[in-house]
C-alpha atoms as a PDB file:
ATOM      1  CA  MET A   1       7.909 -21.977  -6.049  1.00  0.00           C
ATOM      2  CA  LYS A   2       5.875 -19.844  -8.635  1.00  0.00           C
ATOM      3  CA  ASP A   3       6.898 -16.435  -9.623  1.00  0.00           C
ATOM      4  CA  PHE A   4       5.342 -15.117  -6.467  1.00  0.00           C
ATOM      5  CA  ASP A   5       3.137 -16.218  -3.714  1.00  0.00           C
ATOM      6  CA  THR A   6       0.355 -13.985  -2.304  1.00  0.00           C
ATOM      7  CA  LEU A   7       1.244 -15.034   1.208  1.00  0.00           C
ATOM      8  CA  VAL A   8       4.862 -14.667   2.038  1.00  0.00           C
ATOM      9  CA  GLN A   9       6.738 -15.644   5.146  1.00  0.00           C
ATOM     10  CA  PRO A  10       9.228 -13.264   7.052  1.00  0.00           C
ATOM     11  CA  VAL A  11      12.170 -15.527   6.137  1.00  0.00           C
ATOM     12  CA  TRP A  12      11.383 -15.193   2.505  1.00  0.00           C
ATOM     13  CA  LEU A  13      10.915 -11.483   2.594  1.00  0.00           C
ATOM     14  CA  GLU A  14      14.227 -10.860   4.532  1.00  0.00           C
ATOM     15  CA  GLY A  15      16.095 -12.774   1.679  1.00  0.00           C
ATOM     16  CA  HIS A  16      14.339 -10.649  -0.792  1.00  0.00           C
ATOM     17  CA  LEU A  17      14.784  -7.224   0.659  1.00  0.00           C
ATOM     18  CA  VAL A  18      17.559  -6.330  -1.881  1.00  0.00           C
ATOM     19  CA  ASP A  19      15.477  -7.211  -4.968  1.00  0.00           C
ATOM     20  CA  PRO A  20      15.120  -4.000  -7.009  1.00  0.00           C
ATOM     21  CA  HIS A  21      11.755  -5.365  -8.376  1.00  0.00           C
ATOM     22  CA  LEU A  22      10.275  -5.644  -4.806  1.00  0.00           C
ATOM     23  CA  ARG A  23       8.445  -2.845  -2.858  1.00  0.00           C
ATOM     24  CA  VAL A  24       7.558  -3.374   0.722  1.00  0.00           C
ATOM     25  CA  VAL A  25       4.531  -1.271   1.852  1.00  0.00           C
ATOM     26  CA  ASP A  26       3.838  -0.731   5.636  1.00  0.00           C
ATOM     27  CA  VAL A  27       0.075  -0.106   5.976  1.00  0.00           C
ATOM     28  CA  ARG A  28      -0.248  -0.357   9.713  1.00  0.00           C
ATOM     29  CA  GLY A  29      -3.381   1.187  11.261  1.00  0.00           C
ATOM     30  CA  TYR A  30      -6.266   0.828  13.536  1.00  0.00           C
ATOM     31  CA  VAL A  31     -10.012   0.683  13.869  1.00  0.00           C
ATOM     32  CA  ARG A  32     -10.677   1.806  17.556  1.00  0.00           C
ATOM     33  CA  LYS A  33     -14.114   0.963  18.700  1.00  0.00           C
ATOM     34  CA  ARG A  34     -16.000   2.450  21.558  1.00  0.00           C
ATOM     35  CA  ASP A  35     -19.168   1.116  23.189  1.00  0.00           C
ATOM     36  CA  LEU A  36     -21.832   3.740  23.322  1.00  0.00           C
ATOM     37  CA  GLY A  37     -24.502   1.616  25.274  1.00  0.00           C
ATOM     38  CA  GLY A  38     -27.734   0.564  23.974  1.00  0.00           C
ATOM     39  CA  GLY A  39     -26.280  -1.799  21.282  1.00  0.00           C
ATOM     40  CA  ARG A  40     -24.529   1.087  19.770  1.00  0.00           C
ATOM     41  CA  GLN A  41     -20.764   1.533  19.135  1.00  0.00           C
ATOM     42  CA  GLU A  42     -18.598   4.064  17.185  1.00  0.00           C
ATOM     43  CA  ALA A  43     -15.309   3.336  15.298  1.00  0.00           C
ATOM     44  CA  GLU A  44     -12.506   5.634  14.687  1.00  0.00           C
ATOM     45  CA  TYR A  45     -10.282   5.031  11.604  1.00  0.00           C
ATOM     46  CA  LEU A  46      -6.548   5.604  12.287  1.00  0.00           C
ATOM     47  CA  ALA A  47      -3.263   5.361  10.620  1.00  0.00           C
ATOM     48  CA  ALA A  48       0.021   4.462  12.443  1.00  0.00           C
ATOM     49  CA  ARG A  49       2.609   6.633  10.642  1.00  0.00           C
ATOM     50  CA  ASP A  50       4.270   7.603  13.851  1.00  0.00           C
ATOM     51  CA  GLU A  51       5.011   3.658  14.380  1.00  0.00           C
ATOM     52  CA  TYR A  52       6.376   3.464  10.981  1.00  0.00           C
ATOM     53  CA  GLU A  53       8.704   6.385  11.335  1.00  0.00           C
ATOM     54  CA  ALA A  54       9.931   4.906  14.762  1.00  0.00           C
ATOM     55  CA  ALA A  55      10.768   1.543  13.165  1.00  0.00           C
ATOM     56  CA  HIS A  56       9.830  -0.500  10.016  1.00  0.00           C
ATOM     57  CA  VAL A  57      10.956  -3.197   7.661  1.00  0.00           C
ATOM     58  CA  PRO A  58      14.151  -1.970   5.763  1.00  0.00           C
ATOM     59  CA  GLY A  59      13.092  -0.275   2.531  1.00  0.00           C
ATOM     60  CA  ALA A  60       9.400  -0.233   3.284  1.00  0.00           C
ATOM     61  CA  VAL A  61       7.369   2.821   2.437  1.00  0.00           C
ATOM     62  CA  TYR A  62       4.280   3.854   4.177  1.00  0.00           C
ATOM     63  CA  VAL A  63       0.517   3.989   3.149  1.00  0.00           C
ATOM     64  CA  ASP A  64      -2.124   5.641   5.281  1.00  0.00           C
ATOM     65  CA  TRP A  65      -5.202   3.367   4.677  1.00  0.00           C
ATOM     66  CA  THR A  66      -7.514   6.140   5.952  1.00  0.00           C
ATOM     67  CA  ARG A  67      -6.316   8.792   3.484  1.00  0.00           C
ATOM     68  CA  ASP A  68      -3.711   7.831   0.875  1.00  0.00           C
ATOM     69  CA  ILE A  69      -5.732   5.071  -0.874  1.00  0.00           C
ATOM     70  CA  THR A  70      -9.231   6.482  -0.447  1.00  0.00           C
ATOM     71  CA  ASP A  71     -11.520   8.936  -2.231  1.00  0.00           C
ATOM     72  CA  PRO A  72     -11.888  12.159  -0.216  1.00  0.00           C
ATOM     73  CA  GLU A  73     -14.822  13.207  -2.324  1.00  0.00           C
ATOM     74  CA  ASP A  74     -17.014  10.133  -1.561  1.00  0.00           C
ATOM     75  CA  PRO A  75     -19.438  10.781   1.273  1.00  0.00           C
ATOM     76  CA  VAL A  76     -19.057   7.063   2.279  1.00  0.00           C
ATOM     77  CA  PRO A  77     -15.902   6.669   4.493  1.00  0.00           C
ATOM     78  CA  VAL A  78     -12.772   5.182   3.270  1.00  0.00           C
ATOM     79  CA  GLN A  79     -13.834   4.229  -0.263  1.00  0.00           C
ATOM     80  CA  VAL A  80     -11.132   3.189  -2.574  1.00  0.00           C
ATOM     81  CA  ALA A  81      -9.457   6.075  -4.436  1.00  0.00           C
ATOM     82  CA  PRO A  82     -10.301   6.874  -8.016  1.00  0.00           C
ATOM     83  CA  PRO A  83      -7.753   5.524 -10.662  1.00  0.00           C
ATOM     84  CA  ASP A  84      -5.796   8.715 -11.296  1.00  0.00           C
ATOM     85  CA  ARG A  85      -5.380   9.255  -7.429  1.00  0.00           C
ATOM     86  CA  PHE A  86      -4.352   5.743  -6.771  1.00  0.00           C
ATOM     87  CA  ALA A  87      -2.003   5.609  -9.616  1.00  0.00           C
ATOM     88  CA  SER A  88      -0.361   8.783  -8.641  1.00  0.00           C
ATOM     89  CA  LEU A  89       0.246   7.674  -5.075  1.00  0.00           C
ATOM     90  CA  MET A  90       1.594   4.257  -6.324  1.00  0.00           C
ATOM     91  CA  GLY A  91       4.009   5.873  -8.690  1.00  0.00           C
ATOM     92  CA  SER A  92       5.267   8.228  -6.013  1.00  0.00           C
ATOM     93  CA  LEU A  93       6.110   5.322  -3.784  1.00  0.00           C
ATOM     94  CA  GLY A  94       8.075   3.655  -6.570  1.00  0.00           C
ATOM     95  CA  ILE A  95       5.515   1.032  -7.463  1.00  0.00           C
ATOM     96  CA  GLY A  96       5.358   0.476 -11.187  1.00  0.00           C
ATOM     97  CA  ASP A  97       3.453  -2.011 -13.403  1.00  0.00           C
ATOM     98  CA  ASP A  98       6.128  -4.713 -12.872  1.00  0.00           C
ATOM     99  CA  THR A  99       6.754  -4.231  -9.143  1.00  0.00           C
ATOM    100  CA  HIS A 100       6.129  -7.065  -6.794  1.00  0.00           C
ATOM    101  CA  VAL A 101       4.362  -5.498  -3.709  1.00  0.00           C
ATOM    102  CA  VAL A 102       4.501  -7.043  -0.297  1.00  0.00           C
ATOM    103  CA  ALA A 103       2.079  -5.384   2.202  1.00  0.00           C
ATOM    104  CA  TYR A 104       2.131  -5.701   5.848  1.00  0.00           C
ATOM    105  CA  ASP A 105       0.247  -4.377   8.926  1.00  0.00           C
ATOM    106  CA  HIS A 106       0.416  -5.208  12.466  1.00  0.00           C
ATOM    107  CA  ALA A 107      -0.426  -8.928  12.399  1.00  0.00           C
ATOM    108  CA  GLY A 108      -1.010  -9.666   8.737  1.00  0.00           C
ATOM    109  CA  GLY A 109      -4.566  -8.860   8.606  1.00  0.00           C
ATOM    110  CA  GLN A 110      -7.229  -6.349   7.199  1.00  0.00           C
ATOM    111  CA  PHE A 111      -5.130  -3.429   6.352  1.00  0.00           C
ATOM    112  CA  ALA A 112      -2.592  -5.486   4.287  1.00  0.00           C
ATOM    113  CA  THR A 113      -5.366  -7.427   2.577  1.00  0.00           C
ATOM    114  CA  ARG A 114      -7.127  -4.059   1.831  1.00  0.00           C
ATOM    115  CA  LEU A 115      -4.052  -2.868  -0.066  1.00  0.00           C
ATOM    116  CA  TRP A 116      -3.970  -6.333  -1.899  1.00  0.00           C
ATOM    117  CA  TRP A 117      -7.470  -5.957  -2.786  1.00  0.00           C
ATOM    118  CA  ALA A 118      -7.116  -2.339  -4.051  1.00  0.00           C
ATOM    119  CA  LEU A 119      -4.135  -3.256  -6.198  1.00  0.00           C
ATOM    120  CA  THR A 120      -5.869  -6.297  -7.576  1.00  0.00           C
ATOM    121  CA  TYR A 121      -8.863  -4.169  -8.349  1.00  0.00           C
ATOM    122  CA  TYR A 122      -6.621  -1.860 -10.324  1.00  0.00           C
ATOM    123  CA  GLY A 123      -5.204  -4.841 -12.347  1.00  0.00           C
ATOM    124  CA  HIS A 124      -1.817  -5.144 -10.479  1.00  0.00           C
ATOM    125  CA  GLU A 125      -1.103  -8.865 -10.515  1.00  0.00           C
ATOM    126  CA  LYS A 126       1.933  -9.194  -8.184  1.00  0.00           C
ATOM    127  CA  VAL A 127       0.738  -8.399  -4.695  1.00  0.00           C
ATOM    128  CA  SER A 128       1.529 -10.400  -1.507  1.00  0.00           C
ATOM    129  CA  VAL A 129       0.809 -10.092   2.185  1.00  0.00           C
ATOM    130  CA  LEU A 130       3.460 -10.629   4.874  1.00  0.00           C
ATOM    131  CA  ASP A 131       2.138 -13.578   6.960  1.00  0.00           C
ATOM    132  CA  GLY A 132       2.049 -12.525  10.603  1.00  0.00           C
ATOM    133  CA  GLY A 133       2.900  -8.935   9.702  1.00  0.00           C
ATOM    134  CA  TRP A 134       5.074  -6.680  11.824  1.00  0.00           C
ATOM    135  CA  LYS A 135       4.333  -8.683  15.022  1.00  0.00           C
ATOM    136  CA  ARG A 136       5.948 -11.773  13.580  1.00  0.00           C
ATOM    137  CA  TRP A 137       8.770  -9.803  11.978  1.00  0.00           C
ATOM    138  CA  ILE A 138       9.746  -8.529  15.352  1.00  0.00           C
ATOM    139  CA  ALA A 139       9.163 -11.735  17.129  1.00  0.00           C
ATOM    140  CA  GLU A 140      11.616 -13.391  14.790  1.00  0.00           C
ATOM    141  CA  ASP A 141      14.172 -10.637  15.590  1.00  0.00           C
ATOM    142  CA  ARG A 142      14.482  -9.676  11.890  1.00  0.00           C
ATOM    143  CA  PRO A 143      16.040  -6.325  10.916  1.00  0.00           C
ATOM    144  CA  VAL A 144      14.285  -3.006  11.268  1.00  0.00           C
ATOM    145  CA  THR A 145      15.151   0.596  10.588  1.00  0.00           C
ATOM    146  CA  ASP A 146      13.823   4.188  11.051  1.00  0.00           C
ATOM    147  CA  GLU A 147      15.385   5.357   7.756  1.00  0.00           C
ATOM    148  CA  VAL A 148      12.608   6.540   5.395  1.00  0.00           C
ATOM    149  CA  PRO A 149      13.403   5.521   1.853  1.00  0.00           C
ATOM    150  CA  ASN A 150      13.094   7.977  -1.090  1.00  0.00           C
ATOM    151  CA  PRO A 151      12.261   5.696  -4.084  1.00  0.00           C
ATOM    152  CA  ALA A 152      12.544   6.815  -7.716  1.00  0.00           C
ATOM    153  CA  PRO A 153       9.117   7.480  -9.197  1.00  0.00           C
ATOM    154  CA  ALA A 154       7.493   4.780 -11.169  1.00  0.00           C
ATOM    155  CA  ASN A 155       4.787   4.314 -13.850  1.00  0.00           C
ATOM    156  CA  PHE A 156       1.686   2.722 -12.395  1.00  0.00           C
ATOM    157  CA  THR A 157      -1.020   2.076 -14.955  1.00  0.00           C
ATOM    158  CA  PRO A 158      -4.489   1.401 -13.404  1.00  0.00           C
ATOM    159  CA  ARG A 159      -6.463  -1.285 -15.254  1.00  0.00           C
ATOM    160  CA  THR A 160      -9.636  -1.369 -13.280  1.00  0.00           C
ATOM    161  CA  ARG A 161     -11.520  -4.644 -12.827  1.00  0.00           C
ATOM    162  CA  PRO A 162     -15.229  -3.606 -12.261  1.00  0.00           C
ATOM    163  CA  GLY A 163     -16.180  -7.152 -11.146  1.00  0.00           C
ATOM    164  CA  TRP A 164     -13.872  -6.780  -8.020  1.00  0.00           C
ATOM    165  CA  ARG A 165     -16.000  -3.876  -6.613  1.00  0.00           C
ATOM    166  CA  ALA A 166     -19.740  -3.843  -6.058  1.00  0.00           C
ATOM    167  CA  THR A 167     -22.110  -0.943  -5.718  1.00  0.00           C
ATOM    168  CA  ALA A 168     -25.064  -1.085  -3.408  1.00  0.00           C
ATOM    169  CA  GLY A 169     -27.348  -1.747  -6.440  1.00  0.00           C
ATOM    170  CA  ALA A 170     -25.356  -4.821  -7.598  1.00  0.00           C
ATOM    171  CA  VAL A 171     -25.525  -6.151  -3.960  1.00  0.00           C
ATOM    172  CA  LEU A 172     -29.305  -5.594  -3.927  1.00  0.00           C
ATOM    173  CA  THR A 173     -29.549  -7.548  -7.250  1.00  0.00           C
ATOM    174  CA  ALA A 174     -27.354 -10.313  -5.816  1.00  0.00           C
ATOM    175  CA  ALA A 175     -29.601 -10.558  -2.574  1.00  0.00           C
ATOM    176  CA  ASP A 176     -32.744 -10.795  -4.695  1.00  0.00           C
ATOM    177  CA  GLY A 177     -31.223 -13.608  -6.837  1.00  0.00           C
ATOM    178  CA  ALA A 178     -29.706 -17.080  -6.151  1.00  0.00           C
ATOM    179  CA  GLU A 179     -26.477 -16.873  -8.234  1.00  0.00           C
ATOM    180  CA  SER A 180     -24.362 -15.120  -5.865  1.00  0.00           C
ATOM    181  CA  PHE A 181     -23.288 -15.949  -2.309  1.00  0.00           C
ATOM    182  CA  ILE A 182     -23.206 -12.808   0.154  1.00  0.00           C
ATOM    183  CA  LEU A 183     -20.753 -13.068   3.025  1.00  0.00           C
ATOM    184  CA  ASP A 184     -20.900 -10.703   6.121  1.00  0.00           C
ATOM    185  CA  ALA A 185     -17.507 -10.256   7.661  1.00  0.00           C
ATOM    186  CA  ARG A 186     -18.609  -8.197  10.495  1.00  0.00           C
ATOM    187  CA  ASP A 187     -18.680  -9.468  14.273  1.00  0.00           C
ATOM    188  CA  ARG A 188     -21.800 -11.614  15.237  1.00  0.00           C
ATOM    189  CA  GLY A 189     -23.433  -8.873  17.135  1.00  0.00           C
ATOM    190  CA  GLN A 190     -23.576  -6.652  14.013  1.00  0.00           C
ATOM    191  CA  TYR A 191     -24.646  -9.574  11.839  1.00  0.00           C
ATOM    192  CA  THR A 192     -27.599 -10.415  14.017  1.00  0.00           C
ATOM    193  CA  GLY A 193     -28.650  -6.755  14.452  1.00  0.00           C
ATOM    194  CA  GLU A 194     -27.793  -6.617  18.275  1.00  0.00           C
ATOM    195  CA  VAL A 195     -25.177  -4.018  17.675  1.00  0.00           C
ATOM    196  CA  SER A 196     -24.836  -1.078  15.258  1.00  0.00           C
ATOM    197  CA  ARG A 197     -21.986   1.288  14.393  1.00  0.00           C
ATOM    198  CA  GLY A 198     -22.540   4.872  14.305  1.00  0.00           C
ATOM    199  CA  GLN A 199     -26.127   6.223  13.549  1.00  0.00           C
ATOM    200  CA  GLY A 200     -27.011   3.617  10.860  1.00  0.00           C
ATOM    201  CA  ARG A 201     -29.689   0.748  11.077  1.00  0.00           C
ATOM    202  CA  THR A 202     -29.038  -2.423  12.559  1.00  0.00           C
ATOM    203  CA  GLY A 203     -29.120  -5.774  10.729  1.00  0.00           C
ATOM    204  CA  ARG A 204     -27.496  -7.368   7.571  1.00  0.00           C
ATOM    205  CA  VAL A 205     -28.048  -7.608   3.851  1.00  0.00           C
ATOM    206  CA  PRO A 206     -30.945 -10.014   3.358  1.00  0.00           C
ATOM    207  CA  GLY A 207     -29.730 -13.578   2.724  1.00  0.00           C
ATOM    208  CA  ALA A 208     -26.105 -12.850   3.906  1.00  0.00           C
ATOM    209  CA  ARG A 209     -24.171 -15.546   5.828  1.00  0.00           C
ATOM    210  CA  HIS A 210     -21.761 -14.830   8.437  1.00  0.00           C
ATOM    211  CA  LEU A 211     -18.011 -15.251   8.752  1.00  0.00           C
ATOM    212  CA  HIS A 212     -16.113 -12.869  11.033  1.00  0.00           C
ATOM    213  CA  ALA A 213     -12.914 -11.815   9.336  1.00  0.00           C
ATOM    214  CA  ASP A 214     -10.913 -12.440  12.514  1.00  0.00           C
ATOM    215  CA  SER A 215     -12.005 -16.107  12.626  1.00  0.00           C
ATOM    216  CA  LEU A 216      -9.649 -16.734   9.578  1.00  0.00           C
ATOM    217  CA  LEU A 217      -6.579 -15.325  11.627  1.00  0.00           C
ATOM    218  CA  ASP A 218      -4.376 -16.796  14.169  1.00  0.00           C
ATOM    219  CA  PRO A 219      -4.636 -14.973  17.538  1.00  0.00           C
ATOM    220  CA  GLU A 220      -0.871 -14.700  17.324  1.00  0.00           C
ATOM    221  CA  GLY A 221      -0.988 -13.173  13.877  1.00  0.00           C
ATOM    222  CA  GLY A 222      -1.059 -14.313  10.292  1.00  0.00           C
ATOM    223  CA  PHE A 223      -3.491 -16.678   8.503  1.00  0.00           C
ATOM    224  CA  LEU A 224      -4.659 -19.899   9.994  1.00  0.00           C
ATOM    225  CA  PRO A 225      -3.558 -22.979   7.872  1.00  0.00           C
ATOM    226  CA  GLU A 226      -5.495 -23.361   4.621  1.00  0.00           C
ATOM    227  CA  GLU A 227      -7.246 -26.615   5.723  1.00  0.00           C
ATOM    228  CA  VAL A 228      -8.569 -24.834   8.773  1.00  0.00           C
ATOM    229  CA  VAL A 229      -9.618 -21.849   6.698  1.00  0.00           C
ATOM    230  CA  GLU A 230     -11.514 -24.178   4.374  1.00  0.00           C
ATOM    231  CA  GLU A 231     -13.336 -25.824   7.297  1.00  0.00           C
ATOM    232  CA  LYS A 232     -14.496 -22.244   8.624  1.00  0.00           C
ATOM    233  CA  LEU A 233     -15.704 -21.500   5.129  1.00  0.00           C
ATOM    234  CA  ARG A 234     -17.676 -24.717   4.896  1.00  0.00           C
ATOM    235  CA  GLU A 235     -19.151 -24.110   8.480  1.00  0.00           C
ATOM    236  CA  ALA A 236     -20.188 -20.477   7.117  1.00  0.00           C
ATOM    237  CA  GLY A 237     -22.060 -22.109   4.272  1.00  0.00           C
ATOM    238  CA  VAL A 238     -19.607 -21.012   1.642  1.00  0.00           C
ATOM    239  CA  PRO A 239     -19.876 -23.122  -1.459  1.00  0.00           C
ATOM    240  CA  GLU A 240     -17.160 -25.499  -2.552  1.00  0.00           C
ATOM    241  CA  ASP A 241     -17.964 -24.461  -6.114  1.00  0.00           C
ATOM    242  CA  ARG A 242     -15.082 -22.161  -6.946  1.00  0.00           C
ATOM    243  CA  GLU A 243     -17.033 -20.599  -9.835  1.00  0.00           C
ATOM    244  CA  ARG A 244     -19.921 -19.387  -7.589  1.00  0.00           C
ATOM    245  CA  PRO A 245     -19.813 -15.545  -7.402  1.00  0.00           C
ATOM    246  CA  ILE A 246     -19.079 -14.400  -3.824  1.00  0.00           C
ATOM    247  CA  VAL A 247     -19.706 -10.760  -2.428  1.00  0.00           C
ATOM    248  CA  ALA A 248     -18.285  -9.792   0.822  1.00  0.00           C
ATOM    249  CA  TYR A 249     -18.895  -6.936   2.897  1.00  0.00           C
ATOM    250  CA  CYS A 250     -18.190  -5.420   6.458  1.00  0.00           C
ATOM    251  CA  ASN A 251     -18.439  -1.990   7.741  1.00  0.00           C
ATOM    252  CA  GLY A 252     -16.178  -0.290   5.293  1.00  0.00           C
ATOM    253  CA  GLY A 253     -14.991  -2.693   2.726  1.00  0.00           C
ATOM    254  CA  VAL A 254     -11.690  -3.375   4.693  1.00  0.00           C
ATOM    255  CA  ALA A 255     -12.294  -6.442   6.885  1.00  0.00           C
ATOM    256  CA  ALA A 256     -14.140  -8.002   3.989  1.00  0.00           C
ATOM    257  CA  THR A 257     -10.891  -8.215   2.126  1.00  0.00           C
ATOM    258  CA  VAL A 258      -9.758 -10.888   4.640  1.00  0.00           C
ATOM    259  CA  PRO A 259     -12.016 -13.555   3.576  1.00  0.00           C
ATOM    260  CA  LEU A 260     -11.673 -12.417   0.009  1.00  0.00           C
ATOM    261  CA  PHE A 261      -7.972 -12.940   0.231  1.00  0.00           C
ATOM    262  CA  ALA A 262      -8.378 -16.391   1.867  1.00  0.00           C
ATOM    263  CA  LEU A 263     -10.850 -17.383  -0.715  1.00  0.00           C
ATOM    264  CA  HIS A 264      -8.514 -16.177  -3.593  1.00  0.00           C
ATOM    265  CA  ARG A 265      -5.686 -18.397  -2.211  1.00  0.00           C
ATOM    266  CA  LEU A 266      -8.038 -21.378  -2.303  1.00  0.00           C
ATOM    267  CA  GLY A 267      -8.874 -20.831  -6.014  1.00  0.00           C
ATOM    268  CA  TYR A 268     -11.984 -18.865  -5.971  1.00  0.00           C
ATOM    269  CA  ARG A 269     -11.849 -16.156  -8.705  1.00  0.00           C
ATOM    270  CA  LYS A 270     -15.410 -14.669  -8.977  1.00  0.00           C
ATOM    271  CA  LEU A 271     -14.908 -12.524  -5.968  1.00  0.00           C
ATOM    272  CA  THR A 272     -16.302  -8.946  -5.202  1.00  0.00           C
ATOM    273  CA  ASN A 273     -15.957  -6.371  -2.413  1.00  0.00           C
ATOM    274  CA  TYR A 274     -18.874  -4.328  -1.520  1.00  0.00           C
ATOM    275  CA  ASP A 275     -16.688  -1.287  -0.870  1.00  0.00           C
ATOM    276  CA  GLY A 276     -19.531   0.767   0.654  1.00  0.00           C
ATOM    277  CA  SER A 277     -20.416  -2.086   3.034  1.00  0.00           C
ATOM    278  CA  TRP A 278     -22.557  -1.354   6.070  1.00  0.00           C
ATOM    279  CA  ASN A 279     -21.318   2.377   6.152  1.00  0.00           C
ATOM    280  CA  GLU A 280     -23.498   2.901   3.166  1.00  0.00           C
ATOM    281  CA  TRP A 281     -26.120   0.209   3.405  1.00  0.00           C
ATOM    282  CA  GLY A 282     -26.963   0.861   6.961  1.00  0.00           C
ATOM    283  CA  SER A 283     -27.641   4.505   6.240  1.00  0.00           C
ATOM    284  CA  ARG A 284     -29.867   4.140   3.258  1.00  0.00           C
ATOM    285  CA  GLU A 285     -33.487   3.703   4.041  1.00  0.00           C
ATOM    286  CA  ASP A 286     -34.233   2.621   0.528  1.00  0.00           C
ATOM    287  CA  LEU A 287     -32.247  -0.778   1.038  1.00  0.00           C
ATOM    288  CA  PRO A 288     -33.648  -3.801   2.817  1.00  0.00           C
ATOM    289  CA  VAL A 289     -32.307  -5.352   5.982  1.00  0.00           C
ATOM    290  CA  GLU A 290     -32.632  -8.543   7.850  1.00  0.00           C
ATOM    291  CA  LYS A 291     -32.296  -9.331  11.476  1.00  0.00           C
ATOM    292  CA  SER A 292     -31.983 -12.473  13.453  1.00  0.00           C
ATOM    293  CA  ASP A 293     -35.274 -13.438  15.515  1.00  0.00           C
END
């Protein structure tokens, strides 16, 4: 096995909990949707700190995905925190430049991959996701605790990788050209324009292809086998060319990190998350939209 794997199994994690260079991060949370009628829905972004405090993987620290790693000054919801804010949080959690981070959420999905993306965006190489997350950890009867650790502070140095995060302007340029492949990770109703979140417009970024983030995950938790993921990527039109730039988006740049994580595991490296996603694009009248007939 290489120095680390980006997708680790519960049995591996349990065997490495005493590793002083490992930091487990619980990032459980929710996006709770409510149907408003007329093709409209609203979503509430929630953390699950109370669940963490009740029980978690031994030694795990907690990150509130809605607040801790976001930018409170940005008018677009849940945008990634600026470098100093992000580094301060990581350091306070005992995450230093050489720490191997293993992130988990309820089922090994979008919140864990969001932290994977944010750490990778800030140049941290050793980041893994717990396959199946908390759900699989509990199902396999692995140890839990309610003891909240108090890690020694560490030095986290942010090394921003601009190519990993796209602005609306960059996405517009990509949509106008032929070099990049744009991937919409929302549900099909939002992609076609039949459904809209909040008060924004309906539709999609022109030219975007559809691949719902949840379609890459096993209903029981965790990622589908790589060969199945590869099939779903091909069905969505994702090119086999690992050098083709790919831009993914969703509503808030969170679910989009699921296909980005899967693509990264398959060897794609020119990957970009449109962090503003439809929360920004759908609210800006100066940006074009496309709908299905």
